[in-house]
Amino acid sequence: MTKIVFHKTGEDFVRIESNGHTGYAESGEDIVCAAISALLQGAALGIKDVAGVNAKYRVNEEKGSLLLELPSDLGEDKRHDCNVILGTLLASVSDIAKGYSEYIEVEVK
């Protein structure tokens, strides 16, 4: 199972953690894991390369883990951009989790 945790301070996203493989199918055939991975990595690229935020980013493909942590000193514009990107990520993975709840768990803290 993949567990994705969105950490917020007030209304602002501050960190995303994803751990585990979905187990929907064999490695290389797991479309659920591939979809979640693509969304997570796309959001990280949006934060880092499009919004230009120097976020902490760590991936371990073997363990199926990803960490994306935003710096605490973001200006208002960059904070807004990150909230839009990560809010879209939350909506996307939550939608997938509705159909595959035995493989994906999404939590907001």
PDB file of N, CA and C in Angstrom:
ATOM      1  N   MET A   1       0.841  -1.184   0.000  1.00  0.00           N
ATOM      2  CA  MET A   1       0.000   0.000   0.000  1.00  0.00           C
ATOM      3  C   MET A   1       0.886   1.248   0.000  1.00  0.00           C
ATOM      4  N   THR A   2       0.429   2.256  -0.717  1.00  0.00           N
ATOM      5  CA  THR A   2       1.093   3.559  -0.708  1.00  0.00           C
ATOM      6  C   THR A   2       0.323   4.479   0.220  1.00  0.00           C
ATOM      7  N   LYS A   3       1.041   5.087   1.146  1.00  0.00           N
ATOM      8  CA  LYS A   3       0.438   6.066   2.049  1.00  0.00           C
ATOM      9  C   LYS A   3       1.032   7.429   1.710  1.00  0.00           C
ATOM     10  N   ILE A   4       0.167   8.387   1.434  1.00  0.00           N
ATOM     11  CA  ILE A   4       0.595   9.742   1.098  1.00  0.00           C
ATOM     12  C   ILE A   4       0.056  10.672   2.179  1.00  0.00           C
ATOM     13  N   VAL A   5       0.964  11.408   2.813  1.00  0.00           N
ATOM     14  CA  VAL A   5       0.577  12.322   3.885  1.00  0.00           C
ATOM     15  C   VAL A   5       0.933  13.744   3.461  1.00  0.00           C
ATOM     16  N   PHE A   6      -0.074  14.607   3.479  1.00  0.00           N
ATOM     17  CA  PHE A   6       0.091  16.028   3.189  1.00  0.00           C
ATOM     18  C   PHE A   6       0.124  16.749   4.531  1.00  0.00           C
ATOM     19  N   HIS A   7       1.213  17.430   4.825  1.00  0.00           N
ATOM     20  CA  HIS A   7       1.334  18.192   6.073  1.00  0.00           C
ATOM     21  C   HIS A   7       1.058  19.664   5.770  1.00  0.00           C
ATOM     22  N   LYS A   8       0.219  20.261   6.610  1.00  0.00           N
ATOM     23  CA  LYS A   8      -0.131  21.665   6.428  1.00  0.00           C
ATOM     24  C   LYS A   8       0.091  22.430   7.728  1.00  0.00           C
ATOM     25  N   THR A   9       0.388  23.702   7.569  1.00  0.00           N
ATOM     26  CA  THR A   9       0.372  24.649   8.672  1.00  0.00           C
ATOM     27  C   THR A   9      -0.700  25.660   8.310  1.00  0.00           C
ATOM     28  N   GLY A  10      -1.778  25.639   9.055  1.00  0.00           N
ATOM     29  CA  GLY A  10      -2.925  26.462   8.678  1.00  0.00           C
ATOM     30  C   GLY A  10      -3.462  25.973   7.341  1.00  0.00           C
ATOM     31  N   GLU A  11      -3.556  26.858   6.385  1.00  0.00           N
ATOM     32  CA  GLU A  11      -4.041  26.504   5.046  1.00  0.00           C
ATOM     33  C   GLU A  11      -2.907  26.182   4.080  1.00  0.00           C
ATOM     34  N   ASP A  12      -1.670  26.320   4.530  1.00  0.00           N
ATOM     35  CA  ASP A  12      -0.513  26.168   3.649  1.00  0.00           C
ATOM     36  C   ASP A  12       0.109  24.782   3.736  1.00  0.00           C
ATOM     37  N   PHE A  13       0.378  24.201   2.578  1.00  0.00           N
ATOM     38  CA  PHE A  13       1.118  22.941   2.526  1.00  0.00           C
ATOM     39  C   PHE A  13       2.566  23.204   2.914  1.00  0.00           C
ATOM     40  N   VAL A  14       3.166  22.303   3.684  1.00  0.00           N
ATOM     41  CA  VAL A  14       4.559  22.459   4.085  1.00  0.00           C
ATOM     42  C   VAL A  14       5.409  21.234   3.735  1.00  0.00           C
ATOM     43  N   ARG A  15       4.763  20.045   3.651  1.00  0.00           N
ATOM     44  CA  ARG A  15       5.534  18.827   3.371  1.00  0.00           C
ATOM     45  C   ARG A  15       4.597  17.747   2.830  1.00  0.00           C
ATOM     46  N   ILE A  16       5.133  16.942   1.924  1.00  0.00           N
ATOM     47  CA  ILE A  16       4.419  15.776   1.401  1.00  0.00           C
ATOM     48  C   ILE A  16       5.332  14.579   1.606  1.00  0.00           C
ATOM     49  N   GLU A  17       4.764  13.504   2.147  1.00  0.00           N
ATOM     50  CA  GLU A  17       5.510  12.256   2.308  1.00  0.00           C
ATOM     51  C   GLU A  17       4.698  11.135   1.670  1.00  0.00           C
ATOM     52  N   SER A  18       5.364  10.331   0.879  1.00  0.00           N
ATOM     53  CA  SER A  18       4.721   9.169   0.279  1.00  0.00           C
ATOM     54  C   SER A  18       5.608   7.961   0.544  1.00  0.00           C
ATOM     55  N   ASN A  19       4.996   6.876   1.004  1.00  0.00           N
ATOM     56  CA  ASN A  19       5.760   5.678   1.340  1.00  0.00           C
ATOM     57  C   ASN A  19       5.035   4.424   0.883  1.00  0.00           C
ATOM     58  N   GLY A  20       5.805   3.504   0.318  1.00  0.00           N
ATOM     59  CA  GLY A  20       5.309   2.185  -0.036  1.00  0.00           C
ATOM     60  C   GLY A  20       4.873   2.066  -1.482  1.00  0.00           C
ATOM     61  N   HIS A  21       4.912   0.833  -1.965  1.00  0.00           N
ATOM     62  CA  HIS A  21       4.412   0.505  -3.294  1.00  0.00           C
ATOM     63  C   HIS A  21       2.956   0.074  -3.157  1.00  0.00           C
ATOM     64  N   THR A  22       2.153   0.357  -4.145  1.00  0.00           N
ATOM     65  CA  THR A  22       0.726   0.068  -4.043  1.00  0.00           C
ATOM     66  C   THR A  22       0.433  -1.427  -3.943  1.00  0.00           C
ATOM     67  N   GLY A  23       1.192  -2.235  -4.651  1.00  0.00           N
ATOM     68  CA  GLY A  23       0.933  -3.669  -4.649  1.00  0.00           C
ATOM     69  C   GLY A  23      -0.229  -4.068  -5.538  1.00  0.00           C
ATOM     70  N   TYR A  24      -0.652  -3.184  -6.413  1.00  0.00           N
ATOM     71  CA  TYR A  24      -1.754  -3.474  -7.323  1.00  0.00           C
ATOM     72  C   TYR A  24      -1.372  -4.551  -8.341  1.00  0.00           C
ATOM     73  N   ALA A  25      -0.115  -4.525  -8.790  1.00  0.00           N
ATOM     74  CA  ALA A  25       0.377  -5.500  -9.765  1.00  0.00           C
ATOM     75  C   ALA A  25       1.885  -5.641  -9.597  1.00  0.00           C
ATOM     76  N   GLU A  26       2.477  -6.525 -10.374  1.00  0.00           N
ATOM     77  CA  GLU A  26       3.925  -6.729 -10.335  1.00  0.00           C
ATOM     78  C   GLU A  26       4.650  -5.450 -10.726  1.00  0.00           C
ATOM     79  N   SER A  27       5.871  -5.297 -10.232  1.00  0.00           N
ATOM     80  CA  SER A  27       6.706  -4.160 -10.591  1.00  0.00           C
ATOM     81  C   SER A  27       6.840  -4.086 -12.108  1.00  0.00           C
ATOM     82  N   GLY A  28       6.671  -2.906 -12.640  1.00  0.00           N
ATOM     83  CA  GLY A  28       6.728  -2.712 -14.083  1.00  0.00           C
ATOM     84  C   GLY A  28       5.371  -2.853 -14.758  1.00  0.00           C
ATOM     85  N   GLU A  29       4.396  -3.404 -14.044  1.00  0.00           N
ATOM     86  CA  GLU A  29       3.045  -3.591 -14.569  1.00  0.00           C
ATOM     87  C   GLU A  29       1.997  -2.851 -13.730  1.00  0.00           C
ATOM     88  N   ASP A  30       2.444  -2.196 -12.689  1.00  0.00           N
ATOM     89  CA  ASP A  30       1.533  -1.590 -11.705  1.00  0.00           C
ATOM     90  C   ASP A  30       1.102  -0.193 -12.171  1.00  0.00           C
ATOM     91  N   ILE A  31      -0.052  -0.134 -12.805  1.00  0.00           N
ATOM     92  CA  ILE A  31      -0.527   1.139 -13.346  1.00  0.00           C
ATOM     93  C   ILE A  31      -0.942   2.117 -12.252  1.00  0.00           C
ATOM     94  N   VAL A  32      -1.375   1.615 -11.120  1.00  0.00           N
ATOM     95  CA  VAL A  32      -1.782   2.484 -10.020  1.00  0.00           C
ATOM     96  C   VAL A  32      -0.551   3.172  -9.425  1.00  0.00           C
ATOM     97  N   CYS A  33       0.492   2.379  -9.192  1.00  0.00           N
ATOM     98  CA  CYS A  33       1.744   2.940  -8.671  1.00  0.00           C
ATOM     99  C   CYS A  33       2.340   3.936  -9.670  1.00  0.00           C
ATOM    100  N   ALA A  34       2.282   3.593 -10.959  1.00  0.00           N
ATOM    101  CA  ALA A  34       2.822   4.488 -11.992  1.00  0.00           C
ATOM    102  C   ALA A  34       2.068   5.817 -12.018  1.00  0.00           C
ATOM    103  N   ALA A  35       0.742   5.760 -11.877  1.00  0.00           N
ATOM    104  CA  ALA A  35      -0.053   6.989 -11.881  1.00  0.00           C
ATOM    105  C   ALA A  35       0.288   7.874 -10.689  1.00  0.00           C
ATOM    106  N   ILE A  36       0.365   7.268  -9.509  1.00  0.00           N
ATOM    107  CA  ILE A  36       0.688   8.024  -8.299  1.00  0.00           C
ATOM    108  C   ILE A  36       2.094   8.609  -8.402  1.00  0.00           C
ATOM    109  N   SER A  37       3.041   7.808  -8.859  1.00  0.00           N
ATOM    110  CA  SER A  37       4.428   8.271  -9.007  1.00  0.00           C
ATOM    111  C   SER A  37       4.518   9.446  -9.970  1.00  0.00           C
ATOM    112  N   ALA A  38       3.817   9.346 -11.094  1.00  0.00           N
ATOM    113  CA  ALA A  38       3.842  10.428 -12.083  1.00  0.00           C
ATOM    114  C   ALA A  38       3.272  11.718 -11.502  1.00  0.00           C
ATOM    115  N   LEU A  39       2.174  11.607 -10.760  1.00  0.00           N
ATOM    116  CA  LEU A  39       1.581  12.799 -10.155  1.00  0.00           C
ATOM    117  C   LEU A  39       2.516  13.426  -9.121  1.00  0.00           C
ATOM    118  N   LEU A  40       3.095  12.593  -8.254  1.00  0.00           N
ATOM    119  CA  LEU A  40       3.998  13.105  -7.223  1.00  0.00           C
ATOM    120  C   LEU A  40       5.228  13.767  -7.836  1.00  0.00           C
ATOM    121  N   GLN A  41       5.831  13.104  -8.795  1.00  0.00           N
ATOM    122  CA  GLN A  41       7.035  13.656  -9.408  1.00  0.00           C
ATOM    123  C   GLN A  41       6.717  14.890 -10.250  1.00  0.00           C
ATOM    124  N   GLY A  42       5.556  14.897 -10.889  1.00  0.00           N
ATOM    125  CA  GLY A  42       5.136  16.082 -11.638  1.00  0.00           C
ATOM    126  C   GLY A  42       4.944  17.279 -10.728  1.00  0.00           C
ATOM    127  N   ALA A  43       4.341  17.061  -9.569  1.00  0.00           N
ATOM    128  CA  ALA A  43       4.160  18.154  -8.605  1.00  0.00           C
ATOM    129  C   ALA A  43       5.509  18.656  -8.099  1.00  0.00           C
ATOM    130  N   ALA A  44       6.425  17.728  -7.820  1.00  0.00           N
ATOM    131  CA  ALA A  44       7.760  18.131  -7.358  1.00  0.00           C
ATOM    132  C   ALA A  44       8.475  18.954  -8.425  1.00  0.00           C
ATOM    133  N   LEU A  45       8.362  18.554  -9.681  1.00  0.00           N
ATOM    134  CA  LEU A  45       8.965  19.335 -10.769  1.00  0.00           C
ATOM    135  C   LEU A  45       8.306  20.709 -10.883  1.00  0.00           C
ATOM    136  N   GLY A  46       6.993  20.751 -10.700  1.00  0.00           N
ATOM    137  CA  GLY A  46       6.295  22.037 -10.730  1.00  0.00           C
ATOM    138  C   GLY A  46       6.788  22.977  -9.647  1.00  0.00           C
ATOM    139  N   ILE A  47       6.972  22.440  -8.449  1.00  0.00           N
ATOM    140  CA  ILE A  47       7.468  23.245  -7.326  1.00  0.00           C
ATOM    141  C   ILE A  47       8.884  23.737  -7.605  1.00  0.00           C
ATOM    142  N   LYS A  48       9.755  22.808  -7.988  1.00  0.00           N
ATOM    143  CA  LYS A  48      11.173  23.137  -8.137  1.00  0.00           C
ATOM    144  C   LYS A  48      11.473  23.907  -9.427  1.00  0.00           C
ATOM    145  N   ASP A  49      10.999  23.410 -10.550  1.00  0.00           N
ATOM    146  CA  ASP A  49      11.415  23.974 -11.838  1.00  0.00           C
ATOM    147  C   ASP A  49      10.493  25.057 -12.377  1.00  0.00           C
ATOM    148  N   VAL A  50       9.204  24.964 -12.124  1.00  0.00           N
ATOM    149  CA  VAL A  50       8.277  25.964 -12.650  1.00  0.00           C
ATOM    150  C   VAL A  50       8.095  27.109 -11.658  1.00  0.00           C
ATOM    151  N   ALA A  51       7.798  26.768 -10.398  1.00  0.00           N
ATOM    152  CA  ALA A  51       7.625  27.813  -9.380  1.00  0.00           C
ATOM    153  C   ALA A  51       8.969  28.354  -8.895  1.00  0.00           C
ATOM    154  N   GLY A  52      10.048  27.605  -9.140  1.00  0.00           N
ATOM    155  CA  GLY A  52      11.385  28.067  -8.755  1.00  0.00           C
ATOM    156  C   GLY A  52      11.647  28.037  -7.271  1.00  0.00           C
ATOM    157  N   VAL A  53      11.053  27.060  -6.576  1.00  0.00           N
ATOM    158  CA  VAL A  53      11.216  26.944  -5.128  1.00  0.00           C
ATOM    159  C   VAL A  53      12.292  25.904  -4.825  1.00  0.00           C
ATOM    160  N   ASN A  54      13.220  26.266  -3.975  1.00  0.00           N
ATOM    161  CA  ASN A  54      14.306  25.357  -3.598  1.00  0.00           C
ATOM    162  C   ASN A  54      13.832  24.435  -2.467  1.00  0.00           C
ATOM    163  N   ALA A  55      12.974  23.492  -2.840  1.00  0.00           N
ATOM    164  CA  ALA A  55      12.394  22.568  -1.863  1.00  0.00           C
ATOM    165  C   ALA A  55      13.333  21.391  -1.630  1.00  0.00           C
ATOM    166  N   LYS A  56      13.255  20.836  -0.440  1.00  0.00           N
ATOM    167  CA  LYS A  56      13.970  19.600  -0.132  1.00  0.00           C
ATOM    168  C   LYS A  56      13.219  18.478  -0.842  1.00  0.00           C
ATOM    169  N   TYR A  57      13.943  17.662  -1.591  1.00  0.00           N
ATOM    170  CA  TYR A  57      13.309  16.615  -2.397  1.00  0.00           C
ATOM    171  C   TYR A  57      14.160  15.365  -2.343  1.00  0.00           C
ATOM    172  N   ARG A  58      13.529  14.274  -1.925  1.00  0.00           N
ATOM    173  CA  ARG A  58      14.247  13.008  -1.799  1.00  0.00           C
ATOM    174  C   ARG A  58      13.364  11.877  -2.292  1.00  0.00           C
ATOM    175  N   VAL A  59      13.928  10.982  -3.110  1.00  0.00           N
ATOM    176  CA  VAL A  59      13.196   9.837  -3.631  1.00  0.00           C
ATOM    177  C   VAL A  59      14.022   8.583  -3.403  1.00  0.00           C
ATOM    178  N   ASN A  60      13.353   7.511  -3.011  1.00  0.00           N
ATOM    179  CA  ASN A  60      13.985   6.197  -2.917  1.00  0.00           C
ATOM    180  C   ASN A  60      13.057   5.234  -3.659  1.00  0.00           C
ATOM    181  N   GLU A  61      13.405   4.941  -4.908  1.00  0.00           N
ATOM    182  CA  GLU A  61      12.540   4.103  -5.744  1.00  0.00           C
ATOM    183  C   GLU A  61      12.399   2.696  -5.180  1.00  0.00           C
ATOM    184  N   GLU A  62      13.463   2.169  -4.615  1.00  0.00           N
ATOM    185  CA  GLU A  62      13.423   0.816  -4.065  1.00  0.00           C
ATOM    186  C   GLU A  62      12.385   0.694  -2.953  1.00  0.00           C
ATOM    187  N   LYS A  63      12.369   1.683  -2.067  1.00  0.00           N
ATOM    188  CA  LYS A  63      11.418   1.675  -0.951  1.00  0.00           C
ATOM    189  C   LYS A  63      10.062   2.263  -1.344  1.00  0.00           C
ATOM    190  N   GLY A  64      10.031   2.929  -2.485  1.00  0.00           N
ATOM    191  CA  GLY A  64       8.793   3.587  -2.896  1.00  0.00           C
ATOM    192  C   GLY A  64       8.486   4.797  -2.045  1.00  0.00           C
ATOM    193  N   SER A  65       9.523   5.575  -1.728  1.00  0.00           N
ATOM    194  CA  SER A  65       9.294   6.739  -0.874  1.00  0.00           C
ATOM    195  C   SER A  65       9.675   8.036  -1.575  1.00  0.00           C
ATOM    196  N   LEU A  66       8.973   9.092  -1.192  1.00  0.00           N
ATOM    197  CA  LEU A  66       9.232  10.429  -1.704  1.00  0.00           C
ATOM    198  C   LEU A  66       8.966  11.416  -0.581  1.00  0.00           C
ATOM    199  N   LEU A  67       9.839  12.395  -0.460  1.00  0.00           N
ATOM    200  CA  LEU A  67       9.662  13.485   0.498  1.00  0.00           C
ATOM    201  C   LEU A  67       9.833  14.791  -0.256  1.00  0.00           C
ATOM    202  N   LEU A  68       8.905  15.695  -0.084  1.00  0.00           N
ATOM    203  CA  LEU A  68       8.999  17.038  -0.639  1.00  0.00           C
ATOM    204  C   LEU A  68       8.685  17.993   0.494  1.00  0.00           C
ATOM    205  N   GLU A  69       9.669  18.805   0.858  1.00  0.00           N
ATOM    206  CA  GLU A  69       9.483  19.736   1.972  1.00  0.00           C
ATOM    207  C   GLU A  69       9.777  21.147   1.500  1.00  0.00           C
ATOM    208  N   LEU A  70       8.827  22.041   1.730  1.00  0.00           N
ATOM    209  CA  LEU A  70       8.970  23.435   1.311  1.00  0.00           C
ATOM    210  C   LEU A  70       9.761  24.226   2.339  1.00  0.00           C
ATOM    211  N   PRO A  71      10.555  25.186   1.879  1.00  0.00           N
ATOM    212  CA  PRO A  71      11.256  26.046   2.836  1.00  0.00           C
ATOM    213  C   PRO A  71      10.255  26.917   3.600  1.00  0.00           C
ATOM    214  N   SER A  72      10.607  27.276   4.799  1.00  0.00           N
ATOM    215  CA  SER A  72       9.688  28.040   5.647  1.00  0.00           C
ATOM    216  C   SER A  72       9.641  29.524   5.287  1.00  0.00           C
ATOM    217  N   ASP A  73      10.609  29.988   4.520  1.00  0.00           N
ATOM    218  CA  ASP A  73      10.707  31.425   4.232  1.00  0.00           C
ATOM    219  C   ASP A  73      10.184  31.805   2.844  1.00  0.00           C
ATOM    220  N   LEU A  74       9.167  31.110   2.366  1.00  0.00           N
ATOM    221  CA  LEU A  74       8.601  31.435   1.057  1.00  0.00           C
ATOM    222  C   LEU A  74       7.863  32.766   1.096  1.00  0.00           C
ATOM    223  N   GLY A  75       8.014  33.537   0.034  1.00  0.00           N
ATOM    224  CA  GLY A  75       7.227  34.755  -0.103  1.00  0.00           C
ATOM    225  C   GLY A  75       5.785  34.416  -0.435  1.00  0.00           C
ATOM    226  N   GLU A  76       4.931  35.406  -0.382  1.00  0.00           N
ATOM    227  CA  GLU A  76       3.499  35.195  -0.598  1.00  0.00           C
ATOM    228  C   GLU A  76       3.194  34.607  -1.979  1.00  0.00           C
ATOM    229  N   ASP A  77       3.857  35.104  -3.025  1.00  0.00           N
ATOM    230  CA  ASP A  77       3.594  34.611  -4.381  1.00  0.00           C
ATOM    231  C   ASP A  77       4.010  33.154  -4.554  1.00  0.00           C
ATOM    232  N   LYS A  78       5.190  32.816  -4.079  1.00  0.00           N
ATOM    233  CA  LYS A  78       5.666  31.434  -4.200  1.00  0.00           C
ATOM    234  C   LYS A  78       4.840  30.499  -3.315  1.00  0.00           C
ATOM    235  N   ARG A  79       4.442  30.970  -2.157  1.00  0.00           N
ATOM    236  CA  ARG A  79       3.588  30.171  -1.268  1.00  0.00           C
ATOM    237  C   ARG A  79       2.270  29.857  -1.980  1.00  0.00           C
ATOM    238  N   HIS A  80       1.697  30.868  -2.626  1.00  0.00           N
ATOM    239  CA  HIS A  80       0.461  30.678  -3.384  1.00  0.00           C
ATOM    240  C   HIS A  80       0.665  29.640  -4.488  1.00  0.00           C
ATOM    241  N   ASP A  81       1.744  29.769  -5.251  1.00  0.00           N
ATOM    242  CA  ASP A  81       2.017  28.824  -6.334  1.00  0.00           C
ATOM    243  C   ASP A  81       2.136  27.396  -5.800  1.00  0.00           C
ATOM    244  N   CYS A  82       2.848  27.230  -4.706  1.00  0.00           N
ATOM    245  CA  CYS A  82       3.017  25.901  -4.102  1.00  0.00           C
ATOM    246  C   CYS A  82       1.685  25.347  -3.621  1.00  0.00           C
ATOM    247  N   ASN A  83       0.850  26.191  -3.027  1.00  0.00           N
ATOM    248  CA  ASN A  83      -0.459  25.738  -2.562  1.00  0.00           C
ATOM    249  C   ASN A  83      -1.345  25.294  -3.729  1.00  0.00           C
ATOM    250  N   VAL A  84      -1.263  25.995  -4.847  1.00  0.00           N
ATOM    251  CA  VAL A  84      -2.045  25.602  -6.023  1.00  0.00           C
ATOM    252  C   VAL A  84      -1.553  24.255  -6.562  1.00  0.00           C
ATOM    253  N   ILE A  85      -0.248  24.101  -6.699  1.00  0.00           N
ATOM    254  CA  ILE A  85       0.316  22.849  -7.210  1.00  0.00           C
ATOM    255  C   ILE A  85      -0.009  21.690  -6.279  1.00  0.00           C
ATOM    256  N   LEU A  86       0.212  21.871  -4.989  1.00  0.00           N
ATOM    257  CA  LEU A  86       0.000  20.773  -4.043  1.00  0.00           C
ATOM    258  C   LEU A  86      -1.482  20.520  -3.770  1.00  0.00           C
ATOM    259  N   GLY A  87      -2.298  21.538  -3.883  1.00  0.00           N
ATOM    260  CA  GLY A  87      -3.745  21.337  -3.784  1.00  0.00           C
ATOM    261  C   GLY A  87      -4.261  20.502  -4.960  1.00  0.00           C
ATOM    262  N   THR A  88      -3.701  20.746  -6.132  1.00  0.00           N
ATOM    263  CA  THR A  88      -4.048  19.947  -7.310  1.00  0.00           C
ATOM    264  C   THR A  88      -3.569  18.512  -7.132  1.00  0.00           C
ATOM    265  N   LEU A  89      -2.372  18.342  -6.582  1.00  0.00           N
ATOM    266  CA  LEU A  89      -1.863  17.000  -6.296  1.00  0.00           C
ATOM    267  C   LEU A  89      -2.788  16.275  -5.319  1.00  0.00           C
ATOM    268  N   LEU A  90      -3.187  16.935  -4.258  1.00  0.00           N
ATOM    269  CA  LEU A  90      -4.085  16.333  -3.274  1.00  0.00           C
ATOM    270  C   LEU A  90      -5.397  15.897  -3.931  1.00  0.00           C
ATOM    271  N   ALA A  91      -5.986  16.755  -4.745  1.00  0.00           N
ATOM    272  CA  ALA A  91      -7.235  16.412  -5.428  1.00  0.00           C
ATOM    273  C   ALA A  91      -7.034  15.209  -6.357  1.00  0.00           C
ATOM    274  N   SER A  92      -5.909  15.175  -7.046  1.00  0.00           N
ATOM    275  CA  SER A  92      -5.630  14.102  -8.006  1.00  0.00           C
ATOM    276  C   SER A  92      -5.431  12.757  -7.327  1.00  0.00           C
ATOM    277  N   VAL A  93      -4.571  12.708  -6.310  1.00  0.00           N
ATOM    278  CA  VAL A  93      -4.323  11.417  -5.653  1.00  0.00           C
ATOM    279  C   VAL A  93      -5.541  10.970  -4.849  1.00  0.00           C
ATOM    280  N   SER A  94      -6.308  11.915  -4.315  1.00  0.00           N
ATOM    281  CA  SER A  94      -7.531  11.561  -3.590  1.00  0.00           C
ATOM    282  C   SER A  94      -8.549  10.937  -4.531  1.00  0.00           C
ATOM    283  N   ASP A  95      -8.629  11.445  -5.748  1.00  0.00           N
ATOM    284  CA  ASP A  95      -9.551  10.894  -6.732  1.00  0.00           C
ATOM    285  C   ASP A  95      -9.159   9.465  -7.102  1.00  0.00           C
ATOM    286  N   ILE A  96      -7.880   9.224  -7.310  1.00  0.00           N
ATOM    287  CA  ILE A  96      -7.416   7.870  -7.611  1.00  0.00           C
ATOM    288  C   ILE A  96      -7.665   6.952  -6.411  1.00  0.00           C
ATOM    289  N   ALA A  97      -7.427   7.456  -5.215  1.00  0.00           N
ATOM    290  CA  ALA A  97      -7.614   6.646  -4.009  1.00  0.00           C
ATOM    291  C   ALA A  97      -9.067   6.198  -3.837  1.00  0.00           C
ATOM    292  N   LYS A  98     -10.022   6.975  -4.330  1.00  0.00           N
ATOM    293  CA  LYS A  98     -11.434   6.578  -4.235  1.00  0.00           C
ATOM    294  C   LYS A  98     -11.680   5.248  -4.949  1.00  0.00           C
ATOM    295  N   GLY A  99     -11.034   5.058  -6.082  1.00  0.00           N
ATOM    296  CA  GLY A  99     -11.231   3.835  -6.851  1.00  0.00           C
ATOM    297  C   GLY A  99     -10.311   2.697  -6.457  1.00  0.00           C
ATOM    298  N   TYR A 100      -9.250   3.019  -5.716  1.00  0.00           N
ATOM    299  CA  TYR A 100      -8.239   2.011  -5.356  1.00  0.00           C
ATOM    300  C   TYR A 100      -7.879   2.119  -3.879  1.00  0.00           C
ATOM    301  N   SER A 101      -8.885   2.195  -3.027  1.00  0.00           N
ATOM    302  CA  SER A 101      -8.663   2.465  -1.603  1.00  0.00           C
ATOM    303  C   SER A 101      -7.885   1.369  -0.885  1.00  0.00           C
ATOM    304  N   GLU A 102      -7.851   0.171  -1.413  1.00  0.00           N
ATOM    305  CA  GLU A 102      -7.065  -0.883  -0.765  1.00  0.00           C
ATOM    306  C   GLU A 102      -5.581  -0.785  -1.129  1.00  0.00           C
ATOM    307  N   TYR A 103      -5.240   0.134  -2.040  1.00  0.00           N
ATOM    308  CA  TYR A 103      -3.860   0.279  -2.488  1.00  0.00           C
ATOM    309  C   TYR A 103      -3.257   1.638  -2.155  1.00  0.00           C
ATOM    310  N   ILE A 104      -4.116   2.634  -1.884  1.00  0.00           N
ATOM    311  CA  ILE A 104      -3.661   4.009  -1.639  1.00  0.00           C
ATOM    312  C   ILE A 104      -4.395   4.585  -0.442  1.00  0.00           C
ATOM    313  N   GLU A 105      -3.649   5.214   0.443  1.00  0.00           N
ATOM    314  CA  GLU A 105      -4.249   5.941   1.567  1.00  0.00           C
ATOM    315  C   GLU A 105      -3.726   7.372   1.517  1.00  0.00           C
ATOM    316  N   VAL A 106      -4.621   8.329   1.625  1.00  0.00           N
ATOM    317  CA  VAL A 106      -4.266   9.747   1.593  1.00  0.00           C
ATOM    318  C   VAL A 106      -4.720  10.373   2.913  1.00  0.00           C
ATOM    319  N   GLU A 107      -3.822  11.143   3.512  1.00  0.00           N
ATOM    320  CA  GLU A 107      -4.118  11.796   4.785  1.00  0.00           C
ATOM    321  C   GLU A 107      -3.619  13.229   4.750  1.00  0.00           C
ATOM    322  N   VAL A 108      -4.355  14.116   5.372  1.00  0.00           N
ATOM    323  CA  VAL A 108      -3.944  15.512   5.518  1.00  0.00           C
ATOM    324  C   VAL A 108      -3.794  15.774   7.016  1.00  0.00           C
ATOM    325  N   LYS A 109      -2.622  16.257   7.408  1.00  0.00           N
ATOM    326  CA  LYS A 109      -2.350  16.569   8.827  1.00  0.00           C
ATOM    327  C   LYS A 109      -2.098  18.048   8.987  1.00  0.00           C
TER     328      LYS A 109
END
